[in-house]
Amino acid sequence: MADNDDFNSSDIEVPEPAQNPRFKRRGEQSIREIIEHAHEDRVASKVFEKSFTFGRGAPLTQTTQKLWSNRFDAVRLHTFK
């Protein structure tokens, strides 16, 4: 596997497609509310993430939950840096 520690996907320039002007304001109110509540949502999600544990259900269910949790963590750590 190649060492990609120096790779930054933000350095890639990808042109944005032309936008239809009639859709420019769609979702404006909900987006504004998302922005207004971003700080408190970040705090709440951090507290939830630190206190949440998998482990409910039958043993195979718990194993499958942990399998996908580990996979998601790997994607999050290595893809979304």
N, C-alpha and C. Protein backbone atom coordinates (compact mmCIF):
# COMPACT_ATOMS: atom_id res chain seq x y z
N MET A 1 0.85 -1.18 0.00
CA MET A 1 0.00 0.00 0.00
C MET A 1 0.89 1.24 0.00
N ALA A 2 0.58 2.17 -0.84
CA ALA A 2 1.37 3.40 -0.95
C ALA A 2 1.14 4.28 0.27
N ASP A 3 2.18 5.02 0.63
CA ASP A 3 2.09 5.94 1.75
C ASP A 3 1.45 7.24 1.26
N ASN A 4 0.26 7.52 1.73
CA ASN A 4 -0.49 8.70 1.28
C ASN A 4 -0.65 9.74 2.38
N ASP A 5 0.25 9.75 3.36
CA ASP A 5 0.11 10.69 4.47
C ASP A 5 0.18 12.14 4.03
N ASP A 6 0.88 12.43 2.94
CA ASP A 6 1.00 13.80 2.48
C ASP A 6 -0.11 14.20 1.52
N PHE A 7 -0.99 13.28 1.17
CA PHE A 7 -2.06 13.57 0.24
C PHE A 7 -3.15 14.39 0.91
N ASN A 8 -3.58 15.45 0.25
CA ASN A 8 -4.66 16.28 0.76
C ASN A 8 -5.67 16.45 -0.36
N SER A 9 -6.84 15.84 -0.21
CA SER A 9 -7.84 15.89 -1.28
C SER A 9 -8.34 17.31 -1.53
N SER A 10 -8.12 18.22 -0.60
CA SER A 10 -8.52 19.61 -0.80
C SER A 10 -7.69 20.29 -1.88
N ASP A 11 -6.54 19.71 -2.21
CA ASP A 11 -5.68 20.28 -3.25
C ASP A 11 -6.19 19.99 -4.66
N ILE A 12 -7.14 19.09 -4.79
CA ILE A 12 -7.68 18.73 -6.10
C ILE A 12 -8.73 19.77 -6.50
N GLU A 13 -8.57 20.35 -7.68
CA GLU A 13 -9.52 21.32 -8.19
C GLU A 13 -10.55 20.61 -9.06
N VAL A 14 -11.79 20.65 -8.65
CA VAL A 14 -12.87 20.04 -9.41
C VAL A 14 -13.89 21.13 -9.71
N PRO A 15 -14.14 21.39 -10.99
CA PRO A 15 -15.10 22.45 -11.32
C PRO A 15 -16.52 22.06 -10.90
N GLU A 16 -17.24 23.03 -10.38
CA GLU A 16 -18.62 22.77 -9.98
C GLU A 16 -19.53 22.86 -11.20
N PRO A 17 -20.52 21.98 -11.27
CA PRO A 17 -21.44 22.04 -12.40
C PRO A 17 -22.33 23.29 -12.29
N ALA A 18 -22.84 23.75 -13.42
CA ALA A 18 -23.73 24.90 -13.42
C ALA A 18 -24.99 24.58 -12.62
N GLN A 19 -25.43 25.54 -11.82
CA GLN A 19 -26.61 25.35 -10.99
C GLN A 19 -27.83 26.00 -11.63
N ASN A 20 -28.96 25.34 -11.50
CA ASN A 20 -30.21 25.92 -11.96
C ASN A 20 -30.61 27.01 -10.97
N PRO A 21 -30.76 28.26 -11.39
CA PRO A 21 -31.05 29.35 -10.46
C PRO A 21 -32.36 29.18 -9.70
N ARG A 22 -33.30 28.43 -10.24
CA ARG A 22 -34.57 28.29 -9.52
C ARG A 22 -34.44 27.44 -8.26
N PHE A 23 -33.34 26.71 -8.13
CA PHE A 23 -33.12 25.89 -6.93
C PHE A 23 -32.19 26.55 -5.92
N LYS A 24 -31.71 27.74 -6.20
CA LYS A 24 -30.71 28.40 -5.38
C LYS A 24 -31.13 28.54 -3.91
N ARG A 25 -32.38 28.85 -3.66
CA ARG A 25 -32.82 29.11 -2.28
C ARG A 25 -33.52 27.92 -1.63
N ARG A 26 -33.55 26.79 -2.28
CA ARG A 26 -34.21 25.62 -1.70
C ARG A 26 -33.48 25.18 -0.43
N GLY A 27 -34.24 24.96 0.62
CA GLY A 27 -33.67 24.51 1.89
C GLY A 27 -33.05 25.62 2.71
N GLU A 28 -33.24 26.86 2.30
CA GLU A 28 -32.59 27.99 2.97
C GLU A 28 -32.91 28.07 4.46
N GLN A 29 -34.17 27.90 4.83
CA GLN A 29 -34.55 28.00 6.25
C GLN A 29 -33.93 26.88 7.07
N SER A 30 -34.01 25.64 6.59
CA SER A 30 -33.45 24.53 7.36
C SER A 30 -31.93 24.64 7.44
N ILE A 31 -31.29 25.12 6.37
CA ILE A 31 -29.84 25.31 6.40
C ILE A 31 -29.46 26.37 7.42
N ARG A 32 -30.23 27.45 7.47
CA ARG A 32 -29.98 28.52 8.45
C ARG A 32 -30.09 27.96 9.88
N GLU A 33 -31.10 27.12 10.12
CA GLU A 33 -31.27 26.52 11.45
C GLU A 33 -30.12 25.57 11.78
N ILE A 34 -29.65 24.82 10.80
CA ILE A 34 -28.50 23.94 11.01
C ILE A 34 -27.29 24.76 11.45
N ILE A 35 -27.06 25.87 10.76
CA ILE A 35 -25.92 26.73 11.09
C ILE A 35 -26.09 27.35 12.47
N GLU A 36 -27.31 27.81 12.78
CA GLU A 36 -27.56 28.44 14.08
C GLU A 36 -27.35 27.47 15.24
N HIS A 37 -27.62 26.19 15.04
CA HIS A 37 -27.51 25.20 16.12
C HIS A 37 -26.25 24.36 16.04
N ALA A 38 -25.33 24.70 15.15
CA ALA A 38 -24.15 23.86 14.91
C ALA A 38 -23.33 23.64 16.18
N HIS A 39 -23.09 24.70 16.95
CA HIS A 39 -22.24 24.55 18.14
C HIS A 39 -22.87 23.59 19.15
N GLU A 40 -24.12 23.83 19.49
CA GLU A 40 -24.76 22.95 20.49
C GLU A 40 -24.91 21.52 19.97
N ASP A 41 -25.13 21.35 18.66
CA ASP A 41 -25.22 20.01 18.09
C ASP A 41 -23.87 19.29 18.14
N ARG A 42 -22.78 20.04 17.92
CA ARG A 42 -21.45 19.43 18.00
C ARG A 42 -21.17 18.96 19.42
N VAL A 43 -21.54 19.77 20.41
CA VAL A 43 -21.32 19.39 21.82
C VAL A 43 -22.16 18.16 22.15
N ALA A 44 -23.44 18.19 21.78
CA ALA A 44 -24.34 17.07 22.08
C ALA A 44 -23.87 15.78 21.40
N SER A 45 -23.43 15.88 20.15
CA SER A 45 -23.00 14.67 19.46
C SER A 45 -21.70 14.13 20.04
N LYS A 46 -20.82 15.03 20.51
CA LYS A 46 -19.57 14.60 21.14
C LYS A 46 -19.87 13.83 22.43
N VAL A 47 -20.77 14.38 23.25
CA VAL A 47 -21.14 13.72 24.51
C VAL A 47 -21.78 12.36 24.20
N PHE A 48 -22.68 12.33 23.22
CA PHE A 48 -23.34 11.07 22.86
C PHE A 48 -22.32 10.06 22.37
N GLU A 49 -21.43 10.48 21.47
CA GLU A 49 -20.44 9.56 20.89
C GLU A 49 -19.53 8.99 21.96
N LYS A 50 -19.15 9.79 22.94
CA LYS A 50 -18.25 9.31 23.99
C LYS A 50 -18.95 8.38 24.97
N SER A 51 -20.27 8.48 25.10
CA SER A 51 -20.98 7.67 26.09
C SER A 51 -21.73 6.49 25.46
N PHE A 52 -21.84 6.45 24.14
CA PHE A 52 -22.59 5.39 23.47
C PHE A 52 -21.73 4.15 23.28
N THR A 53 -22.30 3.00 23.56
CA THR A 53 -21.60 1.74 23.29
C THR A 53 -22.56 0.79 22.60
N PHE A 54 -22.00 0.01 21.67
CA PHE A 54 -22.78 -1.06 21.07
C PHE A 54 -22.82 -2.20 22.07
N GLY A 55 -23.65 -3.17 21.81
CA GLY A 55 -23.65 -4.33 22.68
C GLY A 55 -25.03 -4.81 23.01
N ARG A 56 -26.02 -4.42 22.22
CA ARG A 56 -27.37 -4.91 22.48
C ARG A 56 -27.69 -5.99 21.47
N GLY A 57 -28.46 -6.95 21.90
CA GLY A 57 -28.90 -8.00 20.98
C GLY A 57 -28.16 -9.30 21.21
N ALA A 58 -28.43 -10.22 20.32
CA ALA A 58 -27.82 -11.55 20.39
C ALA A 58 -26.32 -11.44 20.11
N PRO A 59 -25.53 -12.43 20.51
CA PRO A 59 -24.08 -12.37 20.30
C PRO A 59 -23.68 -12.10 18.85
N LEU A 60 -24.35 -12.73 17.88
CA LEU A 60 -24.01 -12.48 16.48
C LEU A 60 -24.34 -11.03 16.09
N THR A 61 -25.43 -10.48 16.63
CA THR A 61 -25.79 -9.09 16.37
C THR A 61 -24.72 -8.16 16.92
N GLN A 62 -24.25 -8.43 18.13
CA GLN A 62 -23.20 -7.62 18.73
C GLN A 62 -21.91 -7.70 17.92
N THR A 63 -21.58 -8.89 17.46
CA THR A 63 -20.38 -9.07 16.64
C THR A 63 -20.49 -8.28 15.34
N THR A 64 -21.64 -8.34 14.69
CA THR A 64 -21.86 -7.61 13.44
C THR A 64 -21.82 -6.11 13.68
N GLN A 65 -22.41 -5.64 14.78
CA GLN A 65 -22.36 -4.21 15.11
C GLN A 65 -20.91 -3.75 15.27
N LYS A 66 -20.12 -4.51 15.98
CA LYS A 66 -18.73 -4.11 16.21
C LYS A 66 -17.92 -4.18 14.91
N LEU A 67 -18.19 -5.18 14.08
CA LEU A 67 -17.53 -5.29 12.79
C LEU A 67 -17.74 -4.01 11.98
N TRP A 68 -18.99 -3.57 11.85
CA TRP A 68 -19.28 -2.38 11.05
C TRP A 68 -18.83 -1.11 11.75
N SER A 69 -18.86 -1.09 13.05
CA SER A 69 -18.34 0.07 13.78
C SER A 69 -16.85 0.23 13.53
N ASN A 70 -16.11 -0.86 13.58
CA ASN A 70 -14.66 -0.82 13.32
C ASN A 70 -14.38 -0.40 11.88
N ARG A 71 -15.17 -0.91 10.94
CA ARG A 71 -14.98 -0.52 9.54
C ARG A 71 -15.26 0.97 9.35
N PHE A 72 -16.34 1.46 9.93
CA PHE A 72 -16.67 2.88 9.81
C PHE A 72 -15.56 3.74 10.41
N ASP A 73 -15.06 3.35 11.59
CA ASP A 73 -13.96 4.09 12.21
C ASP A 73 -12.74 4.14 11.30
N ALA A 74 -12.44 3.02 10.63
CA ALA A 74 -11.30 3.00 9.71
C ALA A 74 -11.51 3.96 8.54
N VAL A 75 -12.71 3.96 7.97
CA VAL A 75 -13.00 4.89 6.87
C VAL A 75 -12.89 6.33 7.36
N ARG A 76 -13.47 6.60 8.53
CA ARG A 76 -13.46 7.95 9.10
C ARG A 76 -12.02 8.42 9.34
N LEU A 77 -11.19 7.57 9.88
CA LEU A 77 -9.82 7.96 10.21
C LEU A 77 -8.92 8.08 8.99
N HIS A 78 -9.12 7.21 7.99
CA HIS A 78 -8.18 7.17 6.88
C HIS A 78 -8.68 7.87 5.61
N THR A 79 -9.97 8.09 5.52
CA THR A 79 -10.52 8.74 4.33
C THR A 79 -10.87 10.20 4.59
N PHE A 80 -11.43 10.50 5.75
CA PHE A 80 -11.90 11.84 6.04
C PHE A 80 -10.92 12.63 6.90
N LYS A 81 -9.62 12.53 6.63
CA LYS A 81 -8.67 13.28 7.43
C LYS A 81 -8.52 14.69 6.92
